[in-house]
Amino acid sequence: MYMPMAVLSRRATFSQLLGVWATTWLGNLVGAVTLAALFKALALFASHLDHARIAVSNNAAVIEMATMRQFRTSLKRLSRSAPEQGEDSG
């Protein structure tokens, strides 16, 4: 708004007005493309994190199952090797 008023009041030339408008348009274009690329990169990164989170949770379930199996096996071994309640250890 200020540039057109400056041109109408002859404080700026029409070529200066076009130069400011072109610079503003190009700056906005560069900013919009940069933001679009940033949002696209963030979306890809978030998608990668979701896949990684799912893989980690699946691995945690597998590890938990393996740990429970090892725990049960250890309990069975302990129960086999433990002396009977009526036996005297000493």
N, C-alpha and C. Protein backbone atom coordinates (compact mmCIF):
# COMPACT_ATOMS: atom_id res chain seq x y z
N MET A 1 0.82 -1.19 0.00
CA MET A 1 0.00 0.00 0.00
C MET A 1 0.87 1.25 0.00
N TYR A 2 2.01 1.20 0.69
CA TYR A 2 2.84 2.39 0.76
C TYR A 2 3.51 2.69 -0.58
N MET A 3 3.95 1.63 -1.28
CA MET A 3 4.63 1.85 -2.57
C MET A 3 3.69 2.46 -3.61
N PRO A 4 2.47 1.95 -3.79
CA PRO A 4 1.58 2.61 -4.75
C PRO A 4 1.31 4.07 -4.39
N MET A 5 1.18 4.34 -3.09
CA MET A 5 0.96 5.74 -2.68
C MET A 5 2.20 6.59 -2.97
N ALA A 6 3.38 5.99 -2.79
CA ALA A 6 4.62 6.73 -3.09
C ALA A 6 4.72 7.01 -4.58
N VAL A 7 4.28 6.05 -5.41
CA VAL A 7 4.31 6.27 -6.87
C VAL A 7 3.31 7.36 -7.24
N LEU A 8 2.11 7.30 -6.65
CA LEU A 8 1.09 8.31 -6.97
C LEU A 8 1.51 9.71 -6.52
N SER A 9 2.24 9.78 -5.43
CA SER A 9 2.70 11.09 -4.96
C SER A 9 4.07 11.45 -5.56
N ARG A 10 4.55 10.62 -6.46
CA ARG A 10 5.80 10.84 -7.19
C ARG A 10 7.04 10.84 -6.29
N ARG A 11 6.98 10.11 -5.20
CA ARG A 11 8.16 9.94 -4.35
C ARG A 11 8.96 8.71 -4.77
N ALA A 12 8.32 7.82 -5.57
CA ALA A 12 8.99 6.64 -6.10
C ALA A 12 8.55 6.47 -7.54
N THR A 13 9.40 5.78 -8.31
CA THR A 13 9.05 5.55 -9.72
C THR A 13 8.31 4.23 -9.85
N PHE A 14 7.69 4.06 -11.02
CA PHE A 14 6.96 2.83 -11.29
C PHE A 14 7.91 1.64 -11.35
N SER A 15 9.12 1.84 -11.86
CA SER A 15 10.10 0.74 -11.91
C SER A 15 10.53 0.34 -10.50
N GLN A 16 10.64 1.30 -9.58
CA GLN A 16 10.93 0.95 -8.19
C GLN A 16 9.79 0.13 -7.58
N LEU A 17 8.55 0.50 -7.91
CA LEU A 17 7.39 -0.24 -7.43
C LEU A 17 7.45 -1.68 -7.93
N LEU A 18 7.72 -1.87 -9.22
CA LEU A 18 7.81 -3.22 -9.78
C LEU A 18 8.97 -4.01 -9.16
N GLY A 19 10.07 -3.34 -8.89
CA GLY A 19 11.22 -4.00 -8.26
C GLY A 19 10.89 -4.50 -6.86
N VAL A 20 10.19 -3.67 -6.09
CA VAL A 20 9.80 -4.07 -4.74
C VAL A 20 8.80 -5.22 -4.80
N TRP A 21 7.84 -5.14 -5.69
CA TRP A 21 6.85 -6.21 -5.83
C TRP A 21 7.51 -7.52 -6.27
N ALA A 22 8.43 -7.45 -7.22
CA ALA A 22 9.12 -8.67 -7.69
C ALA A 22 9.97 -9.29 -6.59
N THR A 23 10.67 -8.44 -5.85
CA THR A 23 11.49 -8.94 -4.74
C THR A 23 10.61 -9.60 -3.68
N THR A 24 9.49 -8.96 -3.36
CA THR A 24 8.57 -9.51 -2.37
C THR A 24 7.99 -10.83 -2.86
N TRP A 25 7.60 -10.89 -4.13
CA TRP A 25 7.02 -12.12 -4.68
C TRP A 25 8.03 -13.26 -4.66
N LEU A 26 9.26 -12.97 -5.07
CA LEU A 26 10.31 -14.00 -5.07
C LEU A 26 10.64 -14.47 -3.64
N GLY A 27 10.70 -13.54 -2.71
CA GLY A 27 10.96 -13.91 -1.32
C GLY A 27 9.86 -14.79 -0.76
N ASN A 28 8.61 -14.45 -1.06
CA ASN A 28 7.49 -15.28 -0.61
C ASN A 28 7.53 -16.66 -1.26
N LEU A 29 7.90 -16.72 -2.54
CA LEU A 29 7.99 -18.00 -3.24
C LEU A 29 9.07 -18.88 -2.61
N VAL A 30 10.24 -18.30 -2.36
CA VAL A 30 11.33 -19.07 -1.74
C VAL A 30 10.91 -19.55 -0.35
N GLY A 31 10.27 -18.69 0.42
CA GLY A 31 9.82 -19.07 1.75
C GLY A 31 8.78 -20.18 1.71
N ALA A 32 7.84 -20.10 0.77
CA ALA A 32 6.80 -21.13 0.65
C ALA A 32 7.40 -22.47 0.24
N VAL A 33 8.33 -22.46 -0.71
CA VAL A 33 8.97 -23.71 -1.15
C VAL A 33 9.80 -24.29 -0.02
N THR A 34 10.50 -23.45 0.72
CA THR A 34 11.31 -23.92 1.85
C THR A 34 10.41 -24.56 2.92
N LEU A 35 9.31 -23.90 3.25
CA LEU A 35 8.40 -24.46 4.24
C LEU A 35 7.77 -25.77 3.76
N ALA A 36 7.42 -25.83 2.48
CA ALA A 36 6.85 -27.07 1.94
C ALA A 36 7.86 -28.21 2.03
N ALA A 37 9.11 -27.93 1.70
CA ALA A 37 10.16 -28.96 1.79
C ALA A 37 10.38 -29.38 3.25
N LEU A 38 10.35 -28.41 4.15
CA LEU A 38 10.53 -28.71 5.57
C LEU A 38 9.40 -29.60 6.09
N PHE A 39 8.16 -29.26 5.76
CA PHE A 39 7.02 -30.06 6.20
C PHE A 39 7.06 -31.46 5.59
N LYS A 40 7.48 -31.56 4.34
CA LYS A 40 7.60 -32.87 3.71
C LYS A 40 8.67 -33.70 4.41
N ALA A 41 9.80 -33.09 4.72
CA ALA A 41 10.87 -33.80 5.41
C ALA A 41 10.41 -34.23 6.81
N LEU A 42 9.69 -33.36 7.50
CA LEU A 42 9.19 -33.72 8.83
C LEU A 42 8.17 -34.85 8.74
N ALA A 43 7.33 -34.85 7.71
CA ALA A 43 6.35 -35.92 7.55
C ALA A 43 7.05 -37.25 7.29
N LEU A 44 8.09 -37.24 6.45
CA LEU A 44 8.84 -38.47 6.20
C LEU A 44 9.54 -38.95 7.46
N PHE A 45 10.10 -38.00 8.22
CA PHE A 45 10.78 -38.36 9.46
C PHE A 45 9.80 -38.93 10.48
N ALA A 46 8.62 -38.31 10.58
CA ALA A 46 7.61 -38.82 11.52
C ALA A 46 7.13 -40.20 11.10
N SER A 47 6.99 -40.41 9.81
CA SER A 47 6.58 -41.73 9.31
C SER A 47 7.65 -42.76 9.66
N HIS A 48 8.91 -42.39 9.51
CA HIS A 48 10.01 -43.28 9.86
C HIS A 48 9.98 -43.59 11.35
N LEU A 49 9.70 -42.58 12.17
CA LEU A 49 9.64 -42.80 13.62
C LEU A 49 8.50 -43.74 13.98
N ASP A 50 7.36 -43.61 13.30
CA ASP A 50 6.24 -44.52 13.57
C ASP A 50 6.64 -45.95 13.26
N HIS A 51 7.30 -46.16 12.13
CA HIS A 51 7.74 -47.51 11.77
C HIS A 51 8.76 -48.03 12.79
N ALA A 52 9.66 -47.16 13.22
CA ALA A 52 10.66 -47.56 14.20
C ALA A 52 9.99 -47.88 15.54
N ARG A 53 8.99 -47.08 15.93
CA ARG A 53 8.29 -47.33 17.19
C ARG A 53 7.57 -48.67 17.15
N ILE A 54 6.94 -48.97 16.02
CA ILE A 54 6.25 -50.24 15.87
C ILE A 54 7.25 -51.40 15.95
N ALA A 55 8.39 -51.23 15.28
CA ALA A 55 9.42 -52.28 15.31
C ALA A 55 9.95 -52.48 16.73
N VAL A 56 10.16 -51.38 17.43
CA VAL A 56 10.66 -51.48 18.80
C VAL A 56 9.63 -52.16 19.69
N SER A 57 8.35 -51.80 19.54
CA SER A 57 7.34 -52.43 20.39
C SER A 57 7.20 -53.91 20.05
N ASN A 58 7.33 -54.27 18.78
CA ASN A 58 7.29 -55.69 18.41
C ASN A 58 8.49 -56.42 18.99
N ASN A 59 9.67 -55.81 18.92
CA ASN A 59 10.86 -56.43 19.49
C ASN A 59 10.74 -56.55 21.00
N ALA A 60 10.14 -55.55 21.64
CA ALA A 60 9.96 -55.62 23.09
C ALA A 60 9.05 -56.78 23.46
N ALA A 61 8.01 -57.02 22.67
CA ALA A 61 7.12 -58.14 22.94
C ALA A 61 7.86 -59.46 22.78
N VAL A 62 8.69 -59.56 21.76
CA VAL A 62 9.47 -60.79 21.54
C VAL A 62 10.45 -61.00 22.68
N ILE A 63 11.11 -59.94 23.10
CA ILE A 63 12.07 -60.04 24.20
C ILE A 63 11.35 -60.42 25.49
N GLU A 64 10.18 -59.82 25.71
CA GLU A 64 9.42 -60.15 26.91
C GLU A 64 9.01 -61.62 26.91
N MET A 65 8.58 -62.13 25.76
CA MET A 65 8.19 -63.53 25.67
C MET A 65 9.41 -64.42 25.93
N ALA A 66 10.55 -64.08 25.36
CA ALA A 66 11.77 -64.87 25.56
C ALA A 66 12.20 -64.83 27.02
N THR A 67 12.08 -63.67 27.63
CA THR A 67 12.45 -63.54 29.04
C THR A 67 11.52 -64.38 29.92
N MET A 68 10.23 -64.36 29.63
CA MET A 68 9.29 -65.18 30.40
C MET A 68 9.61 -66.67 30.23
N ARG A 69 9.96 -67.08 29.02
CA ARG A 69 10.34 -68.48 28.79
C ARG A 69 11.57 -68.84 29.61
N GLN A 70 12.57 -67.98 29.61
CA GLN A 70 13.78 -68.23 30.38
C GLN A 70 13.47 -68.28 31.87
N PHE A 71 12.58 -67.40 32.33
CA PHE A 71 12.20 -67.38 33.74
C PHE A 71 11.51 -68.69 34.13
N ARG A 72 10.58 -69.14 33.30
CA ARG A 72 9.89 -70.40 33.59
C ARG A 72 10.87 -71.58 33.60
N THR A 73 11.79 -71.58 32.62
CA THR A 73 12.79 -72.65 32.56
C THR A 73 13.66 -72.64 33.82
N SER A 74 14.06 -71.46 34.25
CA SER A 74 14.87 -71.35 35.47
C SER A 74 14.09 -71.84 36.68
N LEU A 75 12.81 -71.50 36.77
CA LEU A 75 12.00 -71.97 37.89
C LEU A 75 11.89 -73.49 37.90
N LYS A 76 11.71 -74.07 36.72
CA LYS A 76 11.63 -75.54 36.64
C LYS A 76 12.93 -76.17 37.10
N ARG A 77 14.06 -75.62 36.67
CA ARG A 77 15.36 -76.16 37.08
C ARG A 77 15.54 -76.04 38.59
N LEU A 78 15.16 -74.89 39.14
CA LEU A 78 15.29 -74.69 40.57
C LEU A 78 14.40 -75.66 41.34
N SER A 79 13.19 -75.86 40.84
CA SER A 79 12.28 -76.75 41.55
C SER A 79 12.77 -78.20 41.49
N ARG A 80 13.46 -78.59 40.43
CA ARG A 80 14.01 -79.94 40.32
C ARG A 80 15.21 -80.12 41.23
N SER A 81 16.04 -79.08 41.33
CA SER A 81 17.28 -79.21 42.11
C SER A 81 17.07 -78.89 43.58
N ALA A 82 15.96 -78.33 43.96
CA ALA A 82 15.71 -77.97 45.37
C ALA A 82 15.42 -79.23 46.16
N PRO A 83 15.93 -79.33 47.40
CA PRO A 83 15.64 -80.48 48.23
C PRO A 83 14.16 -80.52 48.63
N GLU A 84 13.67 -81.69 48.86
CA GLU A 84 12.28 -81.83 49.29
C GLU A 84 12.12 -81.16 50.65
N GLN A 85 10.91 -80.81 51.02
CA GLN A 85 10.69 -80.09 52.26
C GLN A 85 11.02 -80.94 53.49
N GLY A 86 10.81 -82.23 53.44
CA GLY A 86 11.05 -83.07 54.59
C GLY A 86 12.50 -83.45 54.78
N GLU A 87 13.36 -83.23 53.79
CA GLU A 87 14.75 -83.64 53.87
C GLU A 87 15.55 -82.68 54.73
N ASP A 88 16.53 -83.21 55.41
CA ASP A 88 17.41 -82.41 56.24
C ASP A 88 18.68 -82.13 55.46
N SER A 89 19.06 -80.87 55.29
CA SER A 89 20.22 -80.53 54.48
C SER A 89 21.52 -80.64 55.25
N GLY A 90 21.52 -80.86 56.52
CA GLY A 90 22.76 -80.80 57.24
C GLY A 90 22.97 -81.87 58.16
